[in-house]
Every structure is written in C-alpha cells, then in structure tokens.
Amino acid sequence: MYEYNETLEQARQRNIADALMEDIGTGDWTAKLVPSKQVHAQLLVRQEAVLCGVDWFEGTLKKLDPKANIKWYYVEGDLMKADTKVCDIEADSQALLSAERTCINFLQTLSWTASITHQHVDAIAGASPNPKGCAVLDTRKTIPGLRQAQKYAVRVGQGQNQRLALWHGILIKENHIAAAGSVTAALKAAEALNSGVDIQIEVENLAELEEALAAGAKSILIDNFTTDQMKEAVAFTAGRALLEASGGINLDQMRAIAATGVDRISLGKLTKDVNAVDFSMRIQA
C-alpha cells in the first residue's frame, strides 16, 4: 500500500513539521509583538519524571532558529527531580516564543510515557521466577501520528516494544480466528504467508492455548486470564512458547502477574492513557 516503512528519524522530522504547521500556520502574530533579539530562557520540571523527547524539543526549536543553543542538565532517560532546571536555552526571541508550546508538548507527552513505563518496570523488579525474567511491553494503542515517538519513549523508560506496526509482525486476534474458522486454521494461514516476521496468536482460555501449542505456536498472547489461569498456562506450556499476558492490567496487578512466570506483560495504558509531565519555560530578564 505504501512505498516504505518509516524510520524513527523520518517520523521525528514529520512530527516536528506537522506540529509546527498546525500551531504556526501562516505566522505567529503574537511573537511579532517583541523585537527579534537573542534571549536566554530556562526550562524547569515541576515533578519527578523520566526525561524523554530531547531530540523532538531541539529539532522543533532549531527548525525556527538553527543557531539556537541548548544546554541540558539531564540526559535522555534520566530521572529528573521535581522543581529542578532541565536546560538553559539561548535563541532568537521570536523563534523561541513560536516554538515554546510545541517543544514542551513533545517533551511533556514523551516524558510521561517514559515515566509510566519506568514505574511498571520497577513494579515487577525481582518478582519473576522465569529465568529469562519478565518484560513490560506497549501495544499499538498510540496517538495517531506519534507511534514511533511513543514507542521510542517506552524504550527510554526501560520497557520493550510489541510489534511496531502491522508490517512489523503478525498478531492473530479473536476476529482473525473467527474469520479463519479456528486457531489452527489461522496459524496455518499465517505460516503460509512466508512473511519473515514473527507470528503471535491470542488465546482466551486454556483450551485455545492447548490448540495453539498443538498447531506449533511459538508466541502466544493470553488475554484476560486470571493469575491462577496464567500459572496453569505457564506450567502447561513448559517453555514451548513465549507467553504474554494482556487485558486491562493495572499497576497493582503487575507484580503478581510477573510472579506467575509469564515472559511478557503488555499494556495499552503506556501510550493511550496520556497525561503530561509539568514543565515550565521562563525567559530571563
């Protein structure tokens, strides 16, 4: 359908161009109220959070002022302390005022995703009996246009990515199974594609799990299982396939789920339940 699969760098440049277009359009009238001159500004963070989105912040400002200079006091992935300085900025006054909101929009959104991911990773530290450990993953429940950026933020928060997009892997869900006729039929159809990408199938009960394993599944999404059912699934699977838990999981459940021995836990909330880290920019007199 499309000619290529977008890289992270291509996505970032598109994000920046789209955001500036929607905010500035034909021009920023308010920024014209001040003379064009070099100014100094500080960016502060008002809460503890993981820093994420530095390249989006810098790319946005330098799109309007290529000579802008930013001195960061944290690096990408650092846990920032509340009420501390994040960076100093030297830039043209009009460019900085036009870019300010877009720069902070990127930083507050991506830092939130990195931060909430970090919380979920921390929640299961040391809980898994699985010798490979238990990974925290995202899903495709992302903000339209920001898929690459949000999945990057999950990695910054020490999580891992589920498939990036439809081209990146096959995930057979309940509607695919219904349309194919059975778990076995869906798996056979997926294998027949010879796509070269990973194949994963979603099951909703232990009977479907048994059928998937018998059909040769190597990666299985166990959806909305109880923790007792997860323990049964882990014991029955006995390492024959990777098991991933999903389905409305919250932070309080994470440790108990990791303790069942599943390989992965995927959460849509990392990218769909978006809040904003509180940043504040001030031009210094």
Protein backbone atom coordinates (compact mmCIF):
# COMPACT_ATOMS: atom_id res chain seq x y z
CA MET A 1 0.00 0.00 0.00
CA TYR A 2 2.84 2.36 0.85
CA GLU A 3 6.33 2.51 -0.63
CA TYR A 4 8.39 2.22 2.55
CA ASN A 5 8.27 1.70 6.30
CA GLU A 6 9.09 4.89 8.18
CA THR A 7 12.23 5.08 10.34
CA LEU A 8 12.32 6.80 13.73
CA GLU A 9 14.28 9.74 12.28
CA GLN A 10 11.79 10.15 9.43
CA ALA A 11 8.92 10.01 11.91
CA ARG A 12 10.57 12.63 14.14
CA GLN A 13 11.04 15.05 11.26
CA ARG A 14 7.41 14.52 10.21
CA ASN A 15 6.22 15.03 13.81
CA ILE A 16 8.07 18.34 14.05
CA ALA A 17 6.89 19.62 10.67
CA ASP A 18 3.27 18.64 11.37
CA ALA A 19 3.28 20.18 14.85
CA LEU A 20 4.73 23.49 13.68
CA MET A 21 2.33 23.60 10.76
CA GLU A 22 -0.73 23.13 12.95
CA ASP A 23 0.44 25.67 15.53
CA ILE A 24 2.04 28.42 13.43
CA GLY A 25 0.44 28.02 10.03
CA THR A 26 0.95 31.25 8.06
CA GLY A 27 2.54 33.02 11.01
CA ASP A 28 2.68 33.74 14.75
CA TRP A 29 1.17 37.19 15.24
CA THR A 30 1.83 37.27 18.98
CA ALA A 31 5.55 36.62 18.63
CA LYS A 32 5.78 39.68 16.37
CA LEU A 33 4.94 41.85 19.38
CA VAL A 34 8.53 41.52 20.63
CA PRO A 35 11.75 42.58 18.86
CA SER A 36 13.85 39.85 17.29
CA LYS A 37 16.89 39.51 19.56
CA GLN A 38 18.93 36.88 21.39
CA VAL A 39 17.37 35.86 24.71
CA HIS A 40 18.10 33.40 27.50
CA ALA A 41 15.46 31.04 28.89
CA GLN A 42 15.28 28.23 31.43
CA LEU A 43 13.16 25.10 31.32
CA LEU A 44 12.09 23.69 34.69
CA VAL A 45 10.34 20.44 35.58
CA ARG A 46 7.80 20.58 38.41
CA GLN A 47 7.56 16.87 39.21
CA GLU A 48 9.75 13.78 39.31
CA ALA A 49 9.80 12.22 35.85
CA VAL A 50 11.95 10.45 33.28
CA LEU A 51 13.25 12.84 30.64
CA CYS A 52 12.27 11.86 27.10
CA GLY A 53 11.95 13.80 23.86
CA VAL A 54 15.17 15.82 23.80
CA ASP A 55 15.59 15.39 20.01
CA TRP A 56 11.98 16.47 19.37
CA PHE A 57 12.47 19.54 21.60
CA GLU A 58 15.76 20.55 19.97
CA GLY A 59 14.57 19.75 16.45
CA THR A 60 11.49 21.93 16.87
CA LEU A 61 13.40 24.96 18.14
CA LYS A 62 16.21 24.64 15.60
CA LYS A 63 13.68 24.39 12.78
CA LEU A 64 12.86 28.03 13.59
CA ASP A 65 16.30 29.11 14.82
CA PRO A 66 19.12 26.92 13.50
CA LYS A 67 21.62 28.83 15.67
CA ALA A 68 19.77 28.15 18.94
CA ASN A 69 21.89 26.64 21.69
CA ILE A 70 20.54 24.33 24.43
CA LYS A 71 22.48 23.19 27.49
CA TRP A 72 20.87 20.15 29.12
CA TYR A 73 21.32 19.32 32.81
CA TYR A 74 19.80 15.86 32.37
CA VAL A 75 20.31 13.34 29.58
CA GLU A 76 17.61 11.31 27.86
CA GLY A 77 16.35 8.62 30.24
CA ASP A 78 17.45 10.37 33.44
CA LEU A 79 15.06 10.51 36.36
CA MET A 80 14.56 14.23 36.93
CA LYS A 81 13.93 15.66 40.38
CA ALA A 82 10.92 17.90 40.99
CA ASP A 83 11.48 21.67 40.74
CA THR A 84 14.86 21.45 39.05
CA LYS A 85 16.31 23.04 35.93
CA VAL A 86 16.22 20.83 32.85
CA CYS A 87 18.04 23.07 30.38
CA ASP A 88 19.23 26.58 29.53
CA ILE A 89 18.31 27.99 26.12
CA GLU A 90 19.90 30.74 24.02
CA ALA A 91 17.77 31.59 20.99
CA ASP A 92 16.09 34.28 18.94
CA SER A 93 13.19 35.70 20.92
CA GLN A 94 10.56 35.34 18.21
CA ALA A 95 11.63 31.82 17.28
CA LEU A 96 11.64 30.72 20.92
CA LEU A 97 8.18 32.14 21.59
CA SER A 98 6.78 30.46 18.47
CA ALA A 99 8.40 27.11 19.26
CA GLU A 100 7.79 27.09 23.04
CA ARG A 101 4.44 25.31 23.18
CA THR A 102 5.31 22.71 20.55
CA CYS A 103 8.68 21.98 22.19
CA ILE A 104 7.04 21.44 25.57
CA ASN A 105 4.15 19.44 24.09
CA PHE A 106 6.60 16.87 22.77
CA LEU A 107 8.61 16.78 25.99
CA GLN A 108 5.62 16.53 28.35
CA THR A 109 3.99 13.73 26.34
CA LEU A 110 7.05 11.57 25.73
CA SER A 111 8.39 12.08 29.27
CA TRP A 112 5.04 10.88 30.61
CA THR A 113 5.18 7.67 28.56
CA ALA A 114 8.78 7.05 29.62
CA SER A 115 7.89 7.74 33.25
CA ILE A 116 4.82 5.50 33.43
CA THR A 117 6.75 2.72 31.68
CA HIS A 118 9.56 3.07 34.22
CA GLN A 119 7.01 2.73 37.05
CA HIS A 120 5.67 -0.53 35.63
CA VAL A 121 9.15 -1.94 35.04
CA ASP A 122 10.11 -1.08 38.61
CA ALA A 123 6.92 -2.70 39.91
CA ILE A 124 8.00 -6.19 38.79
CA ALA A 125 11.69 -5.99 39.67
CA GLY A 126 12.78 -9.34 41.15
CA ALA A 127 9.26 -10.81 41.07
CA SER A 128 9.55 -13.29 38.21
CA PRO A 129 10.62 -16.94 38.67
CA ASN A 130 11.20 -17.07 34.92
CA PRO A 131 14.98 -17.43 34.26
CA LYS A 132 14.58 -15.01 31.33
CA GLY A 133 12.74 -12.50 33.51
CA CYS A 134 9.52 -10.70 32.60
CA ALA A 135 9.41 -7.80 30.14
CA VAL A 136 6.98 -4.85 30.06
CA LEU A 137 5.66 -4.06 26.57
CA ASP A 138 3.48 -1.47 24.88
CA THR A 139 0.76 -2.05 22.24
CA ARG A 140 -0.46 -0.32 19.06
CA LYS A 141 -2.87 1.82 21.11
CA THR A 142 -0.95 5.00 20.35
CA ILE A 143 -1.76 8.61 19.46
CA PRO A 144 -2.23 8.80 15.67
CA GLY A 145 0.94 10.19 14.09
CA LEU A 146 3.09 9.61 17.19
CA ARG A 147 3.51 5.81 17.01
CA GLN A 148 7.29 5.85 16.56
CA ALA A 149 7.77 8.61 19.16
CA GLN A 150 5.70 6.89 21.84
CA LYS A 151 7.28 3.50 21.28
CA TYR A 152 10.69 5.17 21.50
CA ALA A 153 9.58 6.68 24.84
CA VAL A 154 8.66 3.19 26.09
CA ARG A 155 12.21 2.06 25.35
CA VAL A 156 13.61 5.10 27.15
CA GLY A 157 11.51 4.05 30.16
CA GLN A 158 13.21 0.60 30.01
CA GLY A 159 10.21 -1.15 28.51
CA GLN A 160 10.13 -3.11 25.27
CA ASN A 161 8.05 -2.76 22.13
CA GLN A 162 5.37 -5.11 20.93
CA ARG A 163 5.23 -5.09 17.13
CA LEU A 164 5.79 -1.57 15.85
CA ALA A 165 3.07 -1.68 13.22
CA LEU A 166 1.06 -4.05 11.04
CA TRP A 167 4.02 -4.56 8.71
CA HIS A 168 6.29 -5.49 11.63
CA GLY A 169 4.65 -8.70 12.80
CA ILE A 170 1.59 -10.95 12.67
CA LEU A 171 -0.72 -10.91 15.68
CA ILE A 172 -3.70 -13.20 15.21
CA LYS A 173 -6.56 -11.93 17.37
CA GLU A 174 -10.07 -13.19 18.08
CA ASN A 175 -11.59 -11.69 14.93
CA HIS A 176 -8.88 -13.21 12.74
CA ILE A 177 -9.54 -16.60 14.38
CA ALA A 178 -13.29 -16.23 13.88
CA ALA A 179 -12.82 -15.31 10.22
CA ALA A 180 -10.33 -18.15 9.63
CA GLY A 181 -12.53 -20.73 11.39
CA SER A 182 -10.20 -21.88 14.16
CA VAL A 183 -6.92 -21.26 15.99
CA THR A 184 -5.26 -23.98 13.91
CA ALA A 185 -6.55 -22.65 10.59
CA ALA A 186 -5.42 -19.10 11.42
CA LEU A 187 -1.91 -20.27 12.35
CA LYS A 188 -1.59 -22.34 9.18
CA ALA A 189 -2.67 -19.35 7.08
CA ALA A 190 -0.11 -17.15 8.81
CA GLU A 191 2.70 -19.62 8.22
CA ALA A 192 1.72 -19.98 4.57
CA LEU A 193 2.42 -16.28 4.00
CA ASN A 194 6.17 -16.86 4.50
CA SER A 195 6.33 -13.23 5.65
CA GLY A 196 9.60 -13.45 7.53
CA VAL A 197 8.06 -11.66 10.53
CA ASP A 198 7.16 -13.04 13.96
CA ILE A 199 3.78 -14.74 14.37
CA GLN A 200 1.83 -14.43 17.61
CA ILE A 201 -1.67 -15.67 18.39
CA GLU A 202 -4.11 -14.52 21.04
CA VAL A 203 -5.99 -17.10 23.09
CA GLU A 204 -8.82 -16.53 25.55
CA ASN A 205 -8.83 -19.79 27.51
CA LEU A 206 -6.74 -22.86 28.27
CA ALA A 207 -8.42 -24.93 25.56
CA GLU A 208 -7.36 -22.43 22.90
CA LEU A 209 -3.87 -22.39 24.42
CA GLU A 210 -3.67 -26.18 24.05
CA GLU A 211 -4.82 -25.96 20.43
CA ALA A 212 -2.30 -23.19 19.65
CA LEU A 213 0.58 -25.21 21.09
CA ALA A 214 -0.51 -28.31 19.20
CA ALA A 215 -0.52 -26.23 16.00
CA GLY A 216 3.07 -25.15 16.63
CA ALA A 217 2.59 -21.63 18.01
CA LYS A 218 5.81 -20.13 19.37
CA SER A 219 4.40 -16.87 20.73
CA ILE A 220 1.03 -16.73 22.50
CA LEU A 221 -0.91 -13.80 23.93
CA ILE A 222 -3.01 -14.97 26.89
CA ASP A 223 -5.78 -12.39 27.09
CA ASN A 224 -7.74 -11.64 30.27
CA PHE A 225 -6.53 -14.74 32.12
CA THR A 226 -6.69 -14.73 35.92
CA THR A 227 -3.38 -15.14 37.75
CA ASP A 228 -4.32 -18.74 38.56
CA GLN A 229 -5.01 -19.39 34.87
CA MET A 230 -1.68 -17.75 34.00
CA LYS A 231 0.11 -20.15 36.36
CA GLU A 232 -1.67 -23.07 34.69
CA ALA A 233 -0.74 -21.71 31.27
CA VAL A 234 2.93 -21.37 32.24
CA ALA A 235 3.03 -24.90 33.67
CA PHE A 236 1.22 -26.41 30.67
CA THR A 237 3.35 -24.54 28.11
CA ALA A 238 6.58 -25.57 29.87
CA GLY A 239 8.73 -23.29 27.76
CA ARG A 240 7.39 -24.47 24.39
CA ALA A 241 6.23 -20.95 23.53
CA LEU A 242 6.63 -17.39 24.73
CA LEU A 243 3.66 -16.32 26.88
CA GLU A 244 2.47 -12.72 27.04
CA ALA A 245 -0.21 -11.54 29.47
CA SER A 246 -2.58 -8.73 28.45
CA GLY A 247 -6.03 -7.34 29.10
CA GLY A 248 -6.72 -4.25 31.23
CA ILE A 249 -3.78 -4.82 33.57
CA ASN A 250 -3.09 -2.11 36.15
CA LEU A 251 0.00 -1.23 38.18
CA ASP A 252 -1.25 -3.00 41.31
CA GLN A 253 -1.54 -6.30 39.43
CA MET A 254 1.89 -6.22 37.82
CA ARG A 255 3.92 -7.96 40.49
CA ALA A 256 1.50 -10.85 40.92
CA ILE A 257 1.35 -11.37 37.16
CA ALA A 258 5.13 -11.36 36.82
CA ALA A 259 5.27 -13.92 39.65
CA THR A 260 3.26 -16.41 37.54
CA GLY A 261 6.28 -16.86 35.28
CA VAL A 262 4.89 -15.33 32.08
CA ASP A 263 7.53 -13.96 29.72
CA ARG A 264 5.93 -10.60 28.98
CA ILE A 265 3.18 -8.23 30.07
CA SER A 266 1.71 -5.82 27.50
CA LEU A 267 -0.18 -2.67 28.45
CA GLY A 268 -2.09 -0.27 26.22
CA LYS A 269 -2.13 2.33 29.00
CA LEU A 270 1.56 3.15 28.48
CA THR A 271 0.68 5.01 25.30
CA LYS A 272 -3.09 5.56 25.26
CA ASP A 273 -3.74 6.94 28.77
CA VAL A 274 -1.67 10.05 28.21
CA ASN A 275 -1.06 12.63 30.91
CA ALA A 276 1.52 15.43 30.78
CA VAL A 277 4.67 15.96 32.80
CA ASP A 278 4.65 19.52 34.17
CA PHE A 279 7.35 21.65 32.52
CA SER A 280 7.69 25.43 32.67
CA MET A 281 9.77 27.70 30.43
CA ARG A 282 10.73 31.22 31.51
CA ILE A 283 12.65 33.86 29.59
CA GLN A 284 15.17 35.52 31.91
CA ALA A 285 15.34 39.32 32.03
